Amino acid sequence: MVLTPQARSPISSDDSFPTAQLFLLAICRVAEPIALTSIFPYSWVMVKDFQMANGNDASLYAGILISAFSLAEALTGMFWGGLSDRLGRKPILLSGCFGTMVSLLLVGLAPNFWVALASRALGGALNGNIGVIQTMVGELVNRPEHERKSPSVLMDDASPTNVAINAARAYAVMPFVWSIGTIIGPAIGGLLAKPSEGFPSVFPPDGLFGKFPYLLPNLVCSVLLLFSIVGSWLFLQETHPDMQPGSSHEFFEHSSAEQPLLATSGATANAGVDLRAESYGTFNQVRLQEDENWNVQTDGSLLAGKQPQKPKAFTWQVTMLVIALAIFTYHSMTYDHLLPIFLQDKNTKGLSAFRHSFFDVPGGVGLSTRTVGMIMSTDGIIALVIQSVIFPALAHYLGVWRLFVLVTVLHPIAYFMVPFLVFLPRHLVFVGIYACLIVRNILSIIDYPVLLILIKQASPADSVMGKINGLAASAGAAARTVSPPVAGFLYSTGAEVGCTAIAWWGSSFVALIGALQLWFIQRKRYSSATVRPVAPCHYVPIPEQPRKETVHIVVADPASEGSCAEAASPSA
């Protein structure tokens, strides 16, 4: 079969925002987190049913199973992005959805662990949508019919402010859709795994879903993906600038999907993001401001210096912030992996606090897979509220830098407190679980975008953003690949010695290293960021006038070597 670009139907000139096309992309996008997160509630139970080694090693193999998708996706993302530059975005998008659908069916029909592992890796290898969708969003908002009515009225109808607002709205759609998927996915996985046990009257134990107990959730996710494939194939338009029949290319800014995206910070919290997008993985509009610096002599002339050098991409500040992002990604991913295991693992000594010492935590809470699936779905709702309401409010009142320091210092608490859920009376267990989730989400959901904002601010020039974005993407992919198996190994070790809290406290220790690393991160002077919700928010007042830029003038006296004075002057 040969995939060829399709000619798209003409669009009315008053279509100022690509609502219909973004809706189709959102359908494709929401299917991905549903497919990715549906396995989390039952991955540990699935590995135990495969009887891999002994029961205590199930968390290790579950971690390997989870990380296989991320590793394969990271290794092939650049390839699919480059292929979309040659064949078009739409064919690669459809093939990515189809590959994920096939992978899900193979996981559901897997007779053993190794087939399930290969299927997960295959799904990641065939899924190049993480970069292609982001590129398509950028190309949609940069299309002439979505920015202006005609070239003759460019200045009247396509002001930079309107274009920026449209772009911010478009880029904010995908993180929102991702969050919706993280709510639906765990619910599907938790409720529909092992249906012959949960709904024996509908799914008899000797039937198809009794033989393949994890087929039903994967089948449901595959059907959702099939709907997205059919809808996109019929109605989604090709966005590649060079594949627009009858259109001039002068109004298109050529973009490439070959650029890697920053991977999601955890398994469920955030979608992949490009540092060039103004939303930074949130539902908000982020505007960066940076003052100018002038070096002049006492007579007002510019100070003669060395020839301008090519900006260095990996400065000390950029490197430290990328390391901070990798540390955060690591411990955030361990939380998403350990939580469903700990909630389902049985505590052989009971939950009475009188039977436990501080280091005597031999298991977990002992909840069912269905209950854990609903808890993880509720976790997605909590994250949605925090990202849309609490984050912009805190960023407005505290500022990005102070907010980053605060959540980084407090992050070890989010992991340290979880094992103590086993000490709670049975009627307070759910109160404790949701308290832990609220604390974790406040810290994690805020930490991710502020790190991206600080990395963007630290970039010496826009010309090196591609390299910085690539380094951050590689560091995040490495952390996401390593963290589940390591956390699983620590949990298995803790189960053997009678203290599963070791895994949680190991993540707390890594978060503590991230807090100590703050001493080595230098804040960039004369730069700031404004975070505003795309939709009006009562808690975040919008300033009537934009912030005035300031020019910092450094006056050097040639007669006195090394003597200089600095002054700041507001610019218009």
Protein backbone atom coordinates (compact mmCIF):
# COMPACT_ATOMS: atom_id res chain seq x y z
CA MET A 1 0.00 0.00 0.00
CA VAL A 2 1.33 3.43 -0.94
CA LEU A 3 0.52 6.35 1.32
CA THR A 4 0.16 9.62 -0.56
CA PRO A 5 -0.66 13.11 0.70
CA GLN A 6 -4.31 13.95 0.40
CA ALA A 7 -5.59 17.21 -0.98
CA ARG A 8 -7.55 18.99 1.68
CA SER A 9 -10.79 20.77 1.20
CA PRO A 10 -10.77 24.53 1.21
CA ILE A 11 -11.30 26.17 4.55
CA SER A 12 -13.27 29.34 5.03
CA SER A 13 -11.19 32.42 5.47
CA ASP A 14 -12.82 33.26 8.80
CA ASP A 15 -11.63 30.07 10.47
CA SER A 16 -9.36 31.86 12.93
CA PHE A 17 -8.63 28.82 15.08
CA PRO A 18 -8.21 25.20 13.81
CA THR A 19 -10.76 23.73 16.22
CA ALA A 20 -11.85 20.77 14.08
CA GLN A 21 -8.32 19.70 13.19
CA LEU A 22 -7.09 20.04 16.77
CA PHE A 23 -10.05 17.93 17.88
CA LEU A 24 -8.97 15.14 15.52
CA LEU A 25 -5.40 15.38 16.80
CA ALA A 26 -6.73 15.31 20.35
CA ILE A 27 -8.54 12.03 19.64
CA CYS A 28 -5.25 10.50 18.49
CA ARG A 29 -3.46 12.01 21.46
CA VAL A 30 -5.89 10.84 24.13
CA ALA A 31 -5.65 7.25 22.90
CA GLU A 32 -1.91 7.18 23.63
CA PRO A 33 -1.99 7.90 27.41
CA ILE A 34 -4.98 5.55 27.73
CA ALA A 35 -2.95 2.76 26.13
CA LEU A 36 0.19 3.68 28.08
CA THR A 37 -1.37 3.92 31.54
CA SER A 38 -3.98 1.16 31.36
CA ILE A 39 -1.30 -1.44 32.18
CA PHE A 40 -0.14 0.25 35.39
CA PRO A 41 -2.82 -1.09 37.75
CA TYR A 42 -2.27 -4.72 36.73
CA SER A 43 1.35 -4.96 35.52
CA TRP A 44 2.57 -6.35 38.86
CA VAL A 45 -0.27 -8.88 39.08
CA MET A 46 0.29 -9.84 35.45
CA VAL A 47 3.96 -10.63 36.08
CA LYS A 48 3.04 -12.69 39.14
CA ASP A 49 0.57 -14.69 37.03
CA PHE A 50 3.38 -15.37 34.54
CA GLN A 51 5.27 -16.94 37.48
CA MET A 52 8.53 -15.19 36.75
CA ALA A 53 11.17 -16.38 39.25
CA ASN A 54 9.68 -16.06 42.75
CA GLY A 55 6.89 -13.79 43.86
CA ASN A 56 9.18 -11.20 45.41
CA ASP A 57 10.82 -10.48 42.05
CA ALA A 58 7.52 -9.49 40.39
CA SER A 59 8.10 -5.78 41.03
CA LEU A 60 11.47 -5.94 39.24
CA TYR A 61 10.03 -7.62 36.16
CA ALA A 62 7.04 -5.28 36.21
CA GLY A 63 9.48 -2.38 36.09
CA ILE A 64 11.22 -3.90 33.08
CA LEU A 65 7.85 -4.39 31.40
CA ILE A 66 6.89 -0.76 31.97
CA SER A 67 10.20 0.74 30.85
CA ALA A 68 10.37 -1.29 27.61
CA PHE A 69 7.84 1.00 25.93
CA SER A 70 9.67 4.20 26.95
CA LEU A 71 13.07 2.90 25.89
CA ALA A 72 11.91 1.75 22.46
CA GLU A 73 10.00 4.98 21.91
CA ALA A 74 13.05 7.08 22.78
CA LEU A 75 15.32 5.09 20.45
CA THR A 76 13.03 5.38 17.42
CA GLY A 77 11.49 8.83 17.92
CA MET A 78 14.08 10.61 15.79
CA PHE A 79 13.62 8.10 12.97
CA TRP A 80 9.85 8.58 12.80
CA GLY A 81 10.23 12.33 12.98
CA GLY A 82 12.63 12.35 10.06
CA LEU A 83 10.40 9.99 8.09
CA SER A 84 7.45 12.33 8.59
CA ASP A 85 9.51 15.12 7.04
CA ARG A 86 9.74 13.03 3.86
CA LEU A 87 6.41 11.18 3.74
CA GLY A 88 4.17 13.61 5.57
CA ARG A 89 2.82 13.87 9.10
CA LYS A 90 -0.47 12.07 8.57
CA PRO A 91 0.90 8.68 7.37
CA ILE A 92 3.31 8.52 10.32
CA LEU A 93 0.58 9.49 12.76
CA LEU A 94 -1.72 6.75 11.47
CA SER A 95 1.03 4.14 11.44
CA GLY A 96 1.96 5.05 15.03
CA CYS A 97 -1.62 4.55 16.21
CA PHE A 98 -1.83 1.27 14.30
CA GLY A 99 1.44 0.01 15.80
CA THR A 100 0.25 0.84 19.32
CA MET A 101 -3.04 -0.98 18.64
CA VAL A 102 -1.23 -4.12 17.47
CA SER A 103 1.05 -3.96 20.51
CA LEU A 104 -1.91 -3.80 22.88
CA LEU A 105 -3.55 -6.84 21.35
CA LEU A 106 -0.31 -8.80 21.56
CA VAL A 107 0.11 -7.88 25.24
CA GLY A 108 -3.46 -9.02 25.93
CA LEU A 109 -2.84 -12.36 24.20
CA ALA A 110 0.66 -12.89 25.63
CA PRO A 111 1.11 -16.40 27.08
CA ASN A 112 4.24 -15.46 29.04
CA PHE A 113 6.33 -12.52 30.23
CA TRP A 114 8.73 -12.46 27.31
CA VAL A 115 5.99 -12.14 24.71
CA ALA A 116 4.42 -9.31 26.73
CA LEU A 117 7.82 -7.61 27.01
CA ALA A 118 8.48 -7.88 23.27
CA SER A 119 4.99 -6.56 22.56
CA ARG A 120 5.50 -3.53 24.79
CA ALA A 121 8.83 -2.80 23.13
CA LEU A 122 7.24 -3.19 19.71
CA GLY A 123 4.55 -0.67 20.65
CA GLY A 124 7.17 1.88 21.70
CA ALA A 125 9.26 1.29 18.59
CA LEU A 126 6.29 1.77 16.24
CA ASN A 127 4.92 4.81 18.04
CA GLY A 128 6.46 8.01 16.69
CA ASN A 129 3.50 10.20 17.53
CA ILE A 130 5.04 12.05 20.46
CA GLY A 131 7.02 14.34 18.13
CA VAL A 132 4.75 14.26 15.10
CA ILE A 133 1.64 15.50 16.92
CA GLN A 134 3.52 18.41 18.49
CA THR A 135 4.86 19.37 15.08
CA MET A 136 1.40 19.16 13.53
CA VAL A 137 0.02 21.49 16.19
CA GLY A 138 2.73 24.02 15.39
CA GLU A 139 2.07 23.76 11.67
CA LEU A 140 -1.67 24.16 12.19
CA VAL A 141 -1.36 27.43 14.07
CA ASN A 142 1.22 28.67 11.56
CA ARG A 143 -1.02 28.09 8.54
CA PRO A 144 -2.09 31.29 6.77
CA GLU A 145 -5.83 30.60 6.99
CA HIS A 146 -5.50 30.21 10.77
CA GLU A 147 -3.52 33.40 11.28
CA ARG A 148 -4.81 35.89 8.74
CA LYS A 149 -7.53 36.40 6.21
CA SER A 150 -5.29 37.51 3.39
CA PRO A 151 -1.78 38.89 2.93
CA SER A 152 -3.18 42.36 2.20
CA VAL A 153 -4.64 42.68 5.70
CA LEU A 154 -1.81 41.01 7.55
CA MET A 155 -1.19 43.82 9.96
CA ASP A 156 -4.86 44.22 10.82
CA ASP A 157 -5.93 40.61 11.36
CA ALA A 158 -2.80 38.75 12.38
CA SER A 159 -1.17 40.83 15.05
CA PRO A 160 1.64 39.09 16.95
CA THR A 161 -0.54 39.12 20.05
CA ASN A 162 -3.41 37.26 18.36
CA VAL A 163 -1.04 34.77 16.79
CA ALA A 164 0.64 34.15 20.16
CA ILE A 165 -2.74 33.65 21.84
CA ASN A 166 -3.79 31.15 19.17
CA ALA A 167 -0.51 29.29 19.51
CA ALA A 168 -0.79 29.20 23.31
CA ARG A 169 -4.35 27.87 23.09
CA ALA A 170 -3.32 25.21 20.59
CA TYR A 171 -0.27 24.04 22.53
CA ALA A 172 -2.30 23.89 25.75
CA VAL A 173 -4.80 21.46 24.20
CA MET A 174 -2.45 18.46 24.08
CA PRO A 175 -1.36 18.49 27.76
CA PHE A 176 -5.02 18.79 28.75
CA VAL A 177 -5.95 15.85 26.51
CA TRP A 178 -3.05 13.83 27.94
CA SER A 179 -4.40 14.40 31.45
CA ILE A 180 -7.83 13.19 30.39
CA GLY A 181 -6.20 10.02 29.04
CA THR A 182 -4.39 9.40 32.33
CA ILE A 183 -7.75 9.48 34.07
CA ILE A 184 -9.43 7.03 31.68
CA GLY A 185 -6.52 4.61 31.19
CA PRO A 186 -6.04 3.36 34.77
CA ALA A 187 -9.80 3.01 35.17
CA ILE A 188 -9.96 0.75 32.11
CA GLY A 189 -6.98 -1.32 33.25
CA GLY A 190 -8.12 -1.66 36.83
CA LEU A 191 -11.78 -2.41 36.17
CA LEU A 192 -11.41 -4.75 33.18
CA ALA A 193 -8.33 -6.79 34.10
CA LYS A 194 -9.25 -10.38 35.06
CA PRO A 195 -12.93 -9.91 34.18
CA SER A 196 -13.75 -13.55 34.90
CA GLU A 197 -12.99 -12.86 38.56
CA GLY A 198 -14.75 -9.52 38.77
CA PHE A 199 -17.72 -10.30 36.53
CA PRO A 200 -18.00 -14.12 36.36
CA SER A 201 -21.61 -14.05 35.18
CA VAL A 202 -20.65 -12.05 32.09
CA PHE A 203 -17.17 -13.46 31.48
CA PRO A 204 -17.06 -17.16 32.42
CA PRO A 205 -13.70 -18.51 33.65
CA ASP A 206 -13.57 -21.08 30.86
CA GLY A 207 -14.15 -18.50 28.13
CA LEU A 208 -11.76 -16.36 26.07
CA PHE A 209 -11.27 -13.74 28.77
CA GLY A 210 -10.71 -16.43 31.36
CA LYS A 211 -7.87 -17.87 29.29
CA PHE A 212 -6.46 -14.41 28.56
CA PRO A 213 -7.31 -12.40 31.69
CA TYR A 214 -5.65 -9.19 30.46
CA LEU A 215 -7.11 -9.16 26.97
CA LEU A 216 -10.26 -7.15 27.73
CA PRO A 217 -8.60 -3.86 28.85
CA ASN A 218 -6.19 -4.02 25.92
CA LEU A 219 -9.06 -4.80 23.55
CA VAL A 220 -11.02 -1.76 24.75
CA CYS A 221 -7.96 0.47 24.31
CA SER A 222 -7.43 -0.99 20.83
CA VAL A 223 -11.00 -0.15 19.85
CA LEU A 224 -10.45 3.46 20.98
CA LEU A 225 -7.30 3.59 18.88
CA LEU A 226 -9.20 2.14 15.92
CA PHE A 227 -11.76 4.97 16.16
CA SER A 228 -8.95 7.53 16.18
CA ILE A 229 -7.32 5.90 13.13
CA VAL A 230 -10.55 5.89 11.12
CA GLY A 231 -11.45 9.46 12.07
CA SER A 232 -7.98 10.78 11.27
CA TRP A 233 -7.78 8.87 8.00
CA LEU A 234 -11.07 10.34 6.82
CA PHE A 235 -10.93 13.90 8.10
CA LEU A 236 -7.46 14.88 9.34
CA GLN A 237 -5.54 17.08 6.91
CA GLU A 238 -1.86 16.87 6.06
CA THR A 239 -0.01 19.77 7.71
CA HIS A 240 3.46 19.42 6.17
CA PRO A 241 4.28 22.79 4.53
CA ASP A 242 5.77 21.18 1.42
CA MET A 243 2.70 18.99 0.82
CA GLN A 244 0.04 21.66 0.44
CA PRO A 245 -1.46 21.47 -3.08
CA GLY A 246 -2.11 24.85 -4.64
CA SER A 247 -0.60 26.82 -1.76
CA SER A 248 2.38 29.12 -1.71
CA HIS A 249 5.05 28.27 0.85
CA GLU A 250 5.96 31.85 1.64
CA PHE A 251 3.64 32.01 4.62
CA PHE A 252 4.79 28.73 6.16
CA GLU A 253 7.62 28.44 8.58
CA HIS A 254 9.13 25.08 7.80
CA SER A 255 9.36 22.88 10.84
CA SER A 256 10.78 19.48 11.43
CA ALA A 257 9.46 16.61 13.51
CA GLU A 258 12.95 15.21 13.78
CA GLN A 259 13.63 17.26 16.90
CA PRO A 260 13.24 15.10 20.03
CA LEU A 261 10.71 16.12 22.64
CA LEU A 262 11.19 16.14 26.37
CA ALA A 263 9.62 12.95 27.60
CA THR A 264 6.87 12.95 30.16
CA SER A 265 8.17 13.57 33.64
CA GLY A 266 6.51 10.49 35.05
CA ALA A 267 4.38 7.72 33.76
CA THR A 268 1.15 9.63 34.00
CA ALA A 269 1.76 13.21 35.06
CA ASN A 270 2.80 15.11 31.96
CA ALA A 271 2.86 14.70 28.24
CA GLY A 272 6.00 15.05 26.14
CA VAL A 273 6.76 18.67 25.43
CA ASP A 274 8.93 20.79 23.18
CA LEU A 275 10.77 23.67 24.84
CA ARG A 276 9.84 25.83 21.87
CA ALA A 277 6.13 25.67 22.76
CA GLU A 278 4.88 28.41 25.05
CA SER A 279 2.77 26.14 27.26
CA TYR A 280 5.75 24.10 28.62
CA GLY A 281 3.56 21.06 29.09
CA THR A 282 0.84 22.94 31.00
CA PHE A 283 -2.61 24.28 30.16
CA ASN A 284 -1.27 27.81 30.62
CA GLN A 285 0.40 30.54 28.61
CA VAL A 286 3.95 31.22 29.72
CA ARG A 287 5.69 34.40 28.65
CA LEU A 288 9.40 34.85 29.27
CA GLN A 289 10.96 38.30 29.72
CA GLU A 290 14.63 39.11 29.70
CA ASP A 291 16.26 42.49 30.10
CA GLU A 292 18.93 43.78 27.75
CA ASN A 293 22.55 44.41 28.74
CA TRP A 294 24.61 47.18 27.10
CA ASN A 295 28.34 47.59 27.64
CA VAL A 296 29.32 51.19 26.84
CA GLN A 297 32.19 53.57 27.39
CA THR A 298 31.98 56.86 29.25
CA ASP A 299 31.36 58.74 26.02
CA GLY A 300 28.31 56.60 25.25
CA SER A 301 29.87 54.51 22.51
CA LEU A 302 29.64 50.76 22.59
CA LEU A 303 32.54 49.09 24.31
CA ALA A 304 34.87 47.52 21.79
CA GLY A 305 35.46 43.95 22.66
CA LYS A 306 36.14 40.63 21.14
CA GLN A 307 34.31 39.45 18.10
CA PRO A 308 30.98 37.86 19.01
CA GLN A 309 31.45 34.18 19.52
CA LYS A 310 29.10 31.37 18.67
CA PRO A 311 26.90 30.80 21.74
CA LYS A 312 27.81 27.79 23.83
CA ALA A 313 24.84 25.47 24.24
CA PHE A 314 25.80 23.51 27.33
CA THR A 315 26.71 26.17 29.85
CA TRP A 316 27.09 25.34 33.52
CA GLN A 317 23.61 26.65 34.26
CA VAL A 318 22.00 24.65 31.44
CA THR A 319 23.86 21.47 32.40
CA MET A 320 22.87 21.72 36.05
CA LEU A 321 19.21 22.30 35.15
CA VAL A 322 19.19 19.31 32.77
CA ILE A 323 20.67 17.17 35.56
CA ALA A 324 17.94 18.48 37.86
CA LEU A 325 15.35 17.48 35.25
CA ALA A 326 16.84 13.97 35.02
CA ILE A 327 16.82 13.58 38.81
CA PHE A 328 13.21 14.74 39.00
CA THR A 329 12.15 12.48 36.13
CA TYR A 330 13.79 9.51 37.85
CA HIS A 331 12.09 9.80 41.22
CA SER A 332 8.77 10.89 39.69
CA MET A 333 8.70 7.76 37.52
CA THR A 334 9.49 5.55 40.53
CA TYR A 335 6.38 6.89 42.28
CA ASP A 336 4.14 5.97 39.35
CA HIS A 337 5.65 2.49 39.24
CA LEU A 338 5.70 1.75 42.97
CA LEU A 339 2.28 3.13 43.90
CA PRO A 340 0.06 0.41 42.32
CA ILE A 341 2.42 -2.33 43.54
CA PHE A 342 2.43 -1.03 47.11
CA LEU A 343 -1.32 -0.54 47.16
CA GLN A 344 -1.98 -4.12 45.96
CA ASP A 345 0.75 -5.95 47.87
CA LYS A 346 -0.61 -7.78 50.90
CA ASN A 347 0.74 -7.13 54.37
CA THR A 348 1.16 -10.53 56.01
CA LYS A 349 1.39 -9.05 59.51
CA GLY A 350 -1.79 -7.01 59.33
CA LEU A 351 -2.30 -3.27 59.52
CA SER A 352 -2.28 -2.75 63.25
CA ALA A 353 0.23 -0.11 64.27
CA PHE A 354 1.03 -2.08 67.44
CA ARG A 355 2.54 -4.88 65.35
CA HIS A 356 4.91 -2.65 63.45
CA SER A 357 8.20 -1.00 64.23
CA PHE A 358 9.61 1.84 62.19
CA PHE A 359 11.46 -0.53 59.85
CA ASP A 360 8.91 -3.35 59.87
CA VAL A 361 6.93 -2.82 56.68
CA PRO A 362 6.80 -6.30 55.09
CA GLY A 363 4.24 -5.51 52.39
CA GLY A 364 1.69 -2.99 51.25
CA VAL A 365 -1.93 -1.98 51.77
CA GLY A 366 -3.56 -5.02 50.16
CA LEU A 367 -6.20 -3.40 47.91
CA SER A 368 -7.75 -5.00 44.84
CA THR A 369 -6.69 -4.22 41.28
CA ARG A 370 -10.03 -2.56 40.55
CA THR A 371 -9.72 -0.30 43.57
CA VAL A 372 -6.19 0.65 42.60
CA GLY A 373 -7.35 1.51 39.08
CA MET A 374 -9.96 3.91 40.46
CA ILE A 375 -7.40 5.46 42.83
CA MET A 376 -5.04 6.11 39.92
CA SER A 377 -7.87 7.64 37.91
CA THR A 378 -8.65 9.94 40.81
CA ASP A 379 -4.95 10.76 40.92
CA GLY A 380 -5.30 12.01 37.34
CA ILE A 381 -8.21 14.25 38.35
CA ILE A 382 -6.16 15.70 41.22
CA ALA A 383 -3.30 16.40 38.81
CA LEU A 384 -5.70 18.08 36.39
CA VAL A 385 -6.99 20.48 39.04
CA ILE A 386 -3.53 21.31 40.34
CA GLN A 387 -2.13 22.02 36.90
CA SER A 388 -5.03 24.16 35.75
CA VAL A 389 -5.73 26.12 38.96
CA ILE A 390 -3.02 25.86 41.62
CA PHE A 391 0.10 26.04 39.45
CA PRO A 392 -0.63 29.38 37.72
CA ALA A 393 -1.74 30.92 41.03
CA LEU A 394 1.44 29.87 42.87
CA ALA A 395 3.63 30.88 39.92
CA HIS A 396 2.00 34.32 39.95
CA TYR A 397 2.43 34.97 43.67
CA LEU A 398 5.80 33.27 44.30
CA GLY A 399 7.55 33.51 40.97
CA VAL A 400 9.06 30.65 38.99
CA TRP A 401 12.43 30.50 40.75
CA ARG A 402 11.11 30.59 44.32
CA LEU A 403 8.46 28.06 43.39
CA PHE A 404 11.11 25.74 41.93
CA VAL A 405 13.22 25.94 45.10
CA LEU A 406 10.21 25.32 47.32
CA VAL A 407 8.90 22.20 45.56
CA THR A 408 12.41 20.77 45.11
CA VAL A 409 13.22 21.08 48.81
CA LEU A 410 9.89 19.55 49.86
CA HIS A 411 9.91 16.71 47.32
CA PRO A 412 11.61 14.05 49.53
CA ILE A 413 8.60 14.21 51.87
CA ALA A 414 6.27 12.93 49.13
CA TYR A 415 8.13 9.59 49.04
CA PHE A 416 9.08 9.29 52.68
CA MET A 417 5.48 9.39 53.92
CA VAL A 418 3.94 6.70 51.68
CA PRO A 419 5.14 3.54 53.55
CA PHE A 420 3.46 4.73 56.74
CA LEU A 421 0.07 4.06 55.16
CA VAL A 422 0.36 0.53 56.57
CA PHE A 423 0.23 1.96 60.11
CA LEU A 424 -3.17 3.57 59.57
CA PRO A 425 -6.42 1.99 60.78
CA ARG A 426 -8.46 0.46 57.99
CA HIS A 427 -11.06 3.23 57.97
CA LEU A 428 -8.36 5.89 57.50
CA VAL A 429 -6.38 4.16 54.75
CA PHE A 430 -8.11 5.93 51.87
CA VAL A 431 -7.81 9.28 53.63
CA GLY A 432 -4.08 8.67 53.91
CA ILE A 433 -3.77 7.53 50.28
CA TYR A 434 -5.44 10.65 48.90
CA ALA A 435 -3.44 12.88 51.24
CA CYS A 436 -0.25 11.34 49.85
CA LEU A 437 -1.49 11.82 46.27
CA ILE A 438 -2.35 15.48 46.86
CA VAL A 439 1.08 16.21 48.36
CA ARG A 440 2.85 14.36 45.57
CA ASN A 441 0.84 16.01 42.79
CA ILE A 442 1.30 19.53 44.13
CA LEU A 443 5.06 19.03 44.15
CA SER A 444 5.40 16.99 40.94
CA ILE A 445 2.94 18.83 38.70
CA ILE A 446 4.56 22.15 39.58
CA ASP A 447 8.18 21.00 39.42
CA TYR A 448 8.05 19.81 35.82
CA PRO A 449 6.94 23.03 34.04
CA VAL A 450 9.08 25.32 36.19
CA LEU A 451 12.13 23.22 35.31
CA LEU A 452 11.33 23.56 31.61
CA ILE A 453 10.86 27.32 32.00
CA LEU A 454 14.20 27.67 33.78
CA ILE A 455 15.97 25.61 31.10
CA LYS A 456 14.49 27.83 28.41
CA GLN A 457 15.56 30.96 30.31
CA ALA A 458 19.08 29.58 30.72
CA SER A 459 19.49 28.97 27.00
CA PRO A 460 22.19 31.34 25.68
CA ALA A 461 20.41 31.77 22.32
CA ASP A 462 17.50 30.39 20.32
CA SER A 463 19.99 28.94 17.84
CA VAL A 464 21.14 26.34 20.37
CA MET A 465 17.67 25.39 21.67
CA GLY A 466 17.66 22.27 19.49
CA LYS A 467 20.79 20.92 21.16
CA ILE A 468 19.52 21.75 24.64
CA ASN A 469 16.16 20.18 23.88
CA GLY A 470 17.92 17.06 22.59
CA LEU A 471 20.11 16.76 25.69
CA ALA A 472 17.15 17.18 28.01
CA ALA A 473 15.13 14.63 26.01
CA SER A 474 17.97 12.10 26.20
CA ALA A 475 18.46 12.64 29.93
CA GLY A 476 14.74 12.26 30.57
CA ALA A 477 14.51 9.11 28.43
CA ALA A 478 17.45 7.55 30.28
CA ALA A 479 15.88 8.34 33.66
CA ARG A 480 12.50 6.95 32.63
CA THR A 481 14.11 3.74 31.35
CA VAL A 482 16.27 3.08 34.40
CA SER A 483 13.92 4.10 37.21
CA PRO A 484 11.19 1.37 37.06
CA PRO A 485 13.60 -1.61 37.15
CA VAL A 486 15.71 -0.01 39.89
CA ALA A 487 12.66 0.83 41.98
CA GLY A 488 11.30 -2.67 41.37
CA PHE A 489 14.58 -4.22 42.45
CA LEU A 490 14.59 -2.18 45.67
CA TYR A 491 11.01 -3.18 46.39
CA SER A 492 11.84 -6.85 45.79
CA THR A 493 14.85 -6.56 48.08
CA GLY A 494 12.74 -4.85 50.72
CA ALA A 495 10.10 -7.59 50.49
CA GLU A 496 12.76 -10.22 51.15
CA VAL A 497 14.14 -8.44 54.23
CA GLY A 498 10.70 -7.40 55.50
CA CYS A 499 10.87 -3.66 54.72
CA THR A 500 9.31 -2.60 51.41
CA ALA A 501 9.75 1.01 52.54
CA ILE A 502 13.33 0.74 51.24
CA ALA A 503 12.10 1.43 47.71
CA TRP A 504 10.19 4.55 48.76
CA TRP A 505 13.02 5.87 50.89
CA GLY A 506 15.43 5.22 48.01
CA SER A 507 13.34 7.57 45.87
CA SER A 508 13.26 10.03 48.76
CA PHE A 509 17.06 9.90 48.87
CA VAL A 510 17.28 10.68 45.14
CA ALA A 511 14.88 13.61 45.64
CA LEU A 512 17.10 14.78 48.49
CA ILE A 513 20.07 14.78 46.11
CA GLY A 514 18.01 16.97 43.82
CA ALA A 515 17.40 19.38 46.70
CA LEU A 516 21.11 19.51 47.54
CA GLN A 517 21.88 20.19 43.88
CA LEU A 518 20.17 23.57 44.22
CA TRP A 519 23.47 24.89 45.61
CA PHE A 520 25.02 24.39 42.17
CA ILE A 521 22.24 25.97 40.11
CA GLN A 522 22.73 29.63 39.37
CA ARG A 523 19.67 31.77 38.82
CA LYS A 524 19.82 33.81 35.63
CA ARG A 525 19.84 37.52 36.39
CA TYR A 526 17.37 39.98 34.92
CA SER A 527 14.95 37.35 33.64
CA SER A 528 11.41 36.52 34.68
CA ALA A 529 8.41 34.49 33.58
CA THR A 530 4.69 35.19 33.66
CA VAL A 531 2.31 32.23 33.89
CA ARG A 532 -1.30 32.89 32.96
CA PRO A 533 -4.15 30.47 32.35
CA VAL A 534 -5.31 30.28 28.74
CA ALA A 535 -8.82 30.73 30.10
CA PRO A 536 -9.54 33.59 32.55
CA CYS A 537 -8.97 32.63 36.18
CA HIS A 538 -10.26 34.50 39.21
CA TYR A 539 -7.18 33.60 41.27
CA VAL A 540 -4.61 34.87 38.77
CA PRO A 541 -5.11 38.57 38.03
CA ILE A 542 -4.07 39.58 34.52
CA PRO A 543 -2.05 42.81 34.47
CA GLU A 544 -3.57 45.62 32.46
CA GLN A 545 -0.22 46.62 30.99
CA PRO A 546 2.64 44.33 29.98
CA ARG A 547 5.81 44.37 32.01
CA LYS A 548 8.26 47.04 30.87
CA GLU A 549 11.62 45.76 29.75
CA THR A 550 14.71 47.14 31.41
CA VAL A 551 18.05 47.90 29.78
CA HIS A 552 21.04 47.39 32.10
CA ILE A 553 23.87 49.69 31.05
CA VAL A 554 27.39 48.86 32.19
CA VAL A 555 29.72 51.87 31.80
CA ALA A 556 33.43 51.08 31.67
CA ASP A 557 36.12 53.74 32.16
CA PRO A 558 39.12 52.97 29.91
CA ALA A 559 41.33 55.27 32.01
CA SER A 560 40.71 53.17 35.10
CA GLU A 561 41.22 49.56 34.15
CA GLY A 562 38.64 47.27 35.66
CA SER A 563 36.45 50.14 36.83
CA CYS A 564 32.83 50.12 35.75
CA ALA A 565 29.42 51.23 36.88
CA GLU A 566 26.03 49.75 36.21
CA ALA A 567 22.70 51.49 35.76
CA ALA A 568 19.27 50.27 34.85
CA SER A 569 16.88 52.14 32.63
CA PRO A 570 13.34 51.11 31.67
CA SER A 571 12.74 50.88 27.94
CA ALA A 572 9.56 51.70 26.13
